[in-house]
Amino acid sequence: MANRRPVALAPSSDKTGPMTERLSKVEIRKDALQETVQSVASTVGEVTSIITTAVKDVAGAIGGLATDVFEIRDGARRASEHVEDE
């Protein structure tokens, strides 16, 4: 079994009454700004993922269209050669 160290506990408080410490206006604003930045970062991440998927899907669709065009052109060329041979 690994050596275990005892966990240091924070000193207990003798205060048992209601919390009297209030947050300052600056701390409230800091917390609000922090929540806003986190929310914006999360939303930007979601939108980036959506755009990345959309770009990938569009590239795949265009690639599929290009493949179809090449196949149609090749088929038309072979058909034209077949008609000229007759």
N, C-alpha and C. Protein backbone atom coordinates (compact mmCIF):
# COMPACT_ATOMS: atom_id res chain seq x y z
N MET A 1 0.84 -1.17 0.00
CA MET A 1 0.00 0.00 0.00
C MET A 1 0.89 1.24 0.00
N ALA A 2 0.53 2.26 -0.75
CA ALA A 2 1.34 3.48 -0.86
C ALA A 2 1.33 4.25 0.44
N ASN A 3 2.42 4.99 0.65
CA ASN A 3 2.48 5.85 1.84
C ASN A 3 1.48 6.98 1.68
N ARG A 4 0.68 7.16 2.68
CA ARG A 4 -0.33 8.22 2.62
C ARG A 4 0.01 9.29 3.63
N ARG A 5 -0.10 10.52 3.18
CA ARG A 5 0.13 11.64 4.07
C ARG A 5 -1.21 12.12 4.58
N PRO A 6 -1.25 12.60 5.79
CA PRO A 6 -2.51 13.13 6.30
C PRO A 6 -2.88 14.41 5.55
N VAL A 7 -4.15 14.58 5.35
CA VAL A 7 -4.65 15.77 4.67
C VAL A 7 -4.72 16.90 5.68
N ALA A 8 -4.16 18.04 5.30
CA ALA A 8 -4.21 19.20 6.19
C ALA A 8 -5.59 19.82 6.10
N LEU A 9 -6.19 20.05 7.21
CA LEU A 9 -7.51 20.65 7.25
C LEU A 9 -7.39 22.13 7.58
N ALA A 10 -8.28 22.90 7.01
CA ALA A 10 -8.31 24.33 7.32
C ALA A 10 -8.74 24.51 8.75
N PRO A 11 -8.20 25.51 9.40
CA PRO A 11 -8.60 25.73 10.79
C PRO A 11 -10.09 26.02 10.86
N SER A 12 -10.73 25.46 11.86
CA SER A 12 -12.17 25.66 11.99
C SER A 12 -12.45 27.08 12.45
N SER A 13 -13.57 27.58 12.01
CA SER A 13 -13.95 28.95 12.37
C SER A 13 -14.86 28.90 13.59
N ASP A 14 -14.66 29.85 14.45
CA ASP A 14 -15.52 29.93 15.63
C ASP A 14 -16.84 30.63 15.31
N LYS A 15 -16.94 31.18 14.10
CA LYS A 15 -18.15 31.92 13.72
C LYS A 15 -19.24 30.92 13.36
N THR A 16 -20.34 31.01 14.02
CA THR A 16 -21.46 30.12 13.71
C THR A 16 -22.68 30.92 13.28
N GLY A 17 -22.57 32.21 13.24
CA GLY A 17 -23.70 33.07 12.88
C GLY A 17 -23.82 33.23 11.38
N PRO A 18 -24.75 34.08 10.95
CA PRO A 18 -24.96 34.30 9.52
C PRO A 18 -23.75 34.99 8.89
N MET A 19 -23.58 34.77 7.60
CA MET A 19 -22.47 35.37 6.89
C MET A 19 -22.68 36.87 6.79
N THR A 20 -21.72 37.62 7.23
CA THR A 20 -21.86 39.07 7.21
C THR A 20 -20.97 39.70 6.15
N GLU A 21 -20.06 38.94 5.55
CA GLU A 21 -19.17 39.50 4.54
C GLU A 21 -19.95 39.69 3.25
N ARG A 22 -19.81 40.85 2.67
CA ARG A 22 -20.49 41.15 1.41
C ARG A 22 -19.47 41.29 0.29
N LEU A 23 -19.92 41.01 -0.91
CA LEU A 23 -19.05 41.18 -2.06
C LEU A 23 -19.01 42.65 -2.44
N SER A 24 -17.84 43.10 -2.84
CA SER A 24 -17.72 44.49 -3.28
C SER A 24 -18.28 44.61 -4.69
N LYS A 25 -18.59 45.83 -5.08
CA LYS A 25 -19.11 46.07 -6.43
C LYS A 25 -18.10 45.63 -7.48
N VAL A 26 -16.82 45.85 -7.19
CA VAL A 26 -15.78 45.44 -8.13
C VAL A 26 -15.77 43.92 -8.30
N GLU A 27 -15.91 43.19 -7.21
CA GLU A 27 -15.90 41.73 -7.29
C GLU A 27 -17.15 41.22 -8.02
N ILE A 28 -18.27 41.85 -7.79
CA ILE A 28 -19.51 41.47 -8.50
C ILE A 28 -19.33 41.70 -9.99
N ARG A 29 -18.76 42.84 -10.36
CA ARG A 29 -18.53 43.14 -11.78
C ARG A 29 -17.54 42.15 -12.39
N LYS A 30 -16.50 41.82 -11.63
CA LYS A 30 -15.50 40.86 -12.11
C LYS A 30 -16.16 39.50 -12.35
N ASP A 31 -17.00 39.06 -11.44
CA ASP A 31 -17.69 37.78 -11.59
C ASP A 31 -18.62 37.80 -12.80
N ALA A 32 -19.34 38.92 -12.98
CA ALA A 32 -20.25 39.03 -14.13
C ALA A 32 -19.46 39.02 -15.43
N LEU A 33 -18.34 39.74 -15.46
CA LEU A 33 -17.51 39.76 -16.66
C LEU A 33 -16.94 38.37 -16.94
N GLN A 34 -16.49 37.69 -15.91
CA GLN A 34 -15.95 36.34 -16.07
C GLN A 34 -17.00 35.40 -16.64
N GLU A 35 -18.21 35.43 -16.13
CA GLU A 35 -19.29 34.58 -16.64
C GLU A 35 -19.60 34.92 -18.09
N THR A 36 -19.59 36.22 -18.41
CA THR A 36 -19.87 36.65 -19.78
C THR A 36 -18.80 36.13 -20.73
N VAL A 37 -17.54 36.29 -20.36
CA VAL A 37 -16.44 35.82 -21.21
C VAL A 37 -16.52 34.31 -21.40
N GLN A 38 -16.82 33.57 -20.35
CA GLN A 38 -16.93 32.12 -20.47
C GLN A 38 -18.09 31.74 -21.38
N SER A 39 -19.20 32.44 -21.27
CA SER A 39 -20.35 32.15 -22.12
C SER A 39 -20.04 32.46 -23.58
N VAL A 40 -19.39 33.59 -23.82
CA VAL A 40 -19.01 33.97 -25.19
C VAL A 40 -18.05 32.93 -25.76
N ALA A 41 -17.06 32.52 -24.98
CA ALA A 41 -16.09 31.53 -25.45
C ALA A 41 -16.78 30.22 -25.82
N SER A 42 -17.72 29.81 -25.00
CA SER A 42 -18.45 28.57 -25.28
C SER A 42 -19.27 28.70 -26.56
N THR A 43 -19.93 29.83 -26.73
CA THR A 43 -20.75 30.06 -27.92
C THR A 43 -19.88 30.12 -29.17
N VAL A 44 -18.74 30.81 -29.08
CA VAL A 44 -17.82 30.88 -30.22
C VAL A 44 -17.35 29.47 -30.59
N GLY A 45 -17.07 28.66 -29.60
CA GLY A 45 -16.67 27.28 -29.87
C GLY A 45 -17.75 26.49 -30.59
N GLU A 46 -18.99 26.65 -30.15
CA GLU A 46 -20.10 25.95 -30.80
C GLU A 46 -20.27 26.41 -32.24
N VAL A 47 -20.24 27.73 -32.45
CA VAL A 47 -20.41 28.28 -33.80
C VAL A 47 -19.26 27.83 -34.70
N THR A 48 -18.05 27.84 -34.17
CA THR A 48 -16.89 27.38 -34.94
C THR A 48 -17.06 25.93 -35.37
N SER A 49 -17.56 25.10 -34.49
CA SER A 49 -17.80 23.70 -34.82
C SER A 49 -18.85 23.57 -35.92
N ILE A 50 -19.91 24.36 -35.82
CA ILE A 50 -20.96 24.33 -36.84
C ILE A 50 -20.41 24.75 -38.19
N ILE A 51 -19.62 25.84 -38.20
CA ILE A 51 -19.06 26.34 -39.46
C ILE A 51 -18.07 25.33 -40.04
N THR A 52 -17.25 24.73 -39.20
CA THR A 52 -16.29 23.73 -39.67
C THR A 52 -17.00 22.56 -40.32
N THR A 53 -18.06 22.09 -39.70
CA THR A 53 -18.83 20.98 -40.27
C THR A 53 -19.48 21.40 -41.58
N ALA A 54 -20.01 22.62 -41.63
CA ALA A 54 -20.65 23.10 -42.86
C ALA A 54 -19.64 23.20 -44.00
N VAL A 55 -18.46 23.73 -43.73
CA VAL A 55 -17.42 23.85 -44.76
C VAL A 55 -17.03 22.46 -45.26
N LYS A 56 -16.87 21.52 -44.34
CA LYS A 56 -16.53 20.14 -44.72
C LYS A 56 -17.62 19.54 -45.61
N ASP A 57 -18.88 19.75 -45.24
CA ASP A 57 -19.99 19.21 -46.02
C ASP A 57 -20.06 19.85 -47.41
N VAL A 58 -19.86 21.16 -47.48
CA VAL A 58 -19.88 21.86 -48.78
C VAL A 58 -18.74 21.35 -49.66
N ALA A 59 -17.54 21.21 -49.08
CA ALA A 59 -16.41 20.70 -49.86
C ALA A 59 -16.69 19.29 -50.38
N GLY A 60 -17.32 18.46 -49.56
CA GLY A 60 -17.68 17.12 -50.00
C GLY A 60 -18.70 17.14 -51.13
N ALA A 61 -19.69 18.03 -51.03
CA ALA A 61 -20.71 18.13 -52.08
C ALA A 61 -20.10 18.62 -53.39
N ILE A 62 -19.22 19.62 -53.31
CA ILE A 62 -18.57 20.13 -54.52
C ILE A 62 -17.67 19.06 -55.13
N GLY A 63 -16.96 18.33 -54.30
CA GLY A 63 -16.13 17.23 -54.80
C GLY A 63 -16.96 16.16 -55.49
N GLY A 64 -18.12 15.86 -54.92
CA GLY A 64 -19.03 14.89 -55.54
C GLY A 64 -19.54 15.38 -56.89
N LEU A 65 -19.86 16.66 -56.97
CA LEU A 65 -20.31 17.25 -58.23
C LEU A 65 -19.20 17.19 -59.27
N ALA A 66 -17.98 17.52 -58.87
CA ALA A 66 -16.86 17.47 -59.81
C ALA A 66 -16.66 16.05 -60.34
N THR A 67 -16.78 15.06 -59.47
CA THR A 67 -16.66 13.66 -59.90
C THR A 67 -17.74 13.32 -60.91
N ASP A 68 -18.98 13.75 -60.64
CA ASP A 68 -20.08 13.50 -61.58
C ASP A 68 -19.80 14.15 -62.93
N VAL A 69 -19.31 15.39 -62.92
CA VAL A 69 -19.03 16.10 -64.17
C VAL A 69 -17.96 15.36 -64.97
N PHE A 70 -16.89 14.90 -64.30
CA PHE A 70 -15.85 14.15 -65.00
C PHE A 70 -16.40 12.87 -65.60
N GLU A 71 -17.25 12.17 -64.84
CA GLU A 71 -17.83 10.92 -65.35
C GLU A 71 -18.75 11.18 -66.53
N ILE A 72 -19.55 12.24 -66.46
CA ILE A 72 -20.45 12.58 -67.57
C ILE A 72 -19.64 12.95 -68.80
N ARG A 73 -18.59 13.76 -68.61
CA ARG A 73 -17.75 14.16 -69.74
C ARG A 73 -17.09 12.94 -70.37
N ASP A 74 -16.58 12.03 -69.54
CA ASP A 74 -15.93 10.83 -70.05
C ASP A 74 -16.93 9.95 -70.80
N GLY A 75 -18.13 9.82 -70.25
CA GLY A 75 -19.17 9.04 -70.92
C GLY A 75 -19.57 9.65 -72.25
N ALA A 76 -19.69 10.97 -72.29
CA ALA A 76 -20.06 11.64 -73.53
C ALA A 76 -18.95 11.47 -74.57
N ARG A 77 -17.70 11.55 -74.14
CA ARG A 77 -16.57 11.37 -75.07
C ARG A 77 -16.58 9.96 -75.65
N ARG A 78 -16.81 8.95 -74.80
CA ARG A 78 -16.84 7.57 -75.28
C ARG A 78 -18.02 7.35 -76.24
N ALA A 79 -19.16 7.96 -75.92
CA ALA A 79 -20.32 7.83 -76.80
C ALA A 79 -20.05 8.49 -78.15
N SER A 80 -19.38 9.63 -78.12
CA SER A 80 -19.06 10.34 -79.36
C SER A 80 -18.09 9.52 -80.20
N GLU A 81 -17.10 8.91 -79.57
CA GLU A 81 -16.14 8.06 -80.29
C GLU A 81 -16.85 6.85 -80.89
N HIS A 82 -17.81 6.31 -80.17
CA HIS A 82 -18.56 5.15 -80.66
C HIS A 82 -19.37 5.52 -81.89
N VAL A 83 -19.98 6.71 -81.92
CA VAL A 83 -20.78 7.15 -83.05
C VAL A 83 -19.88 7.41 -84.25
N GLU A 84 -18.70 7.98 -84.05
CA GLU A 84 -17.78 8.28 -85.15
C GLU A 84 -17.25 7.00 -85.79
N ASP A 85 -17.14 5.93 -85.02
CA ASP A 85 -16.63 4.66 -85.54
C ASP A 85 -17.64 3.99 -86.47
N GLU A 86 -18.87 4.32 -86.37
CA GLU A 86 -19.89 3.65 -87.19
C GLU A 86 -20.06 4.26 -88.53
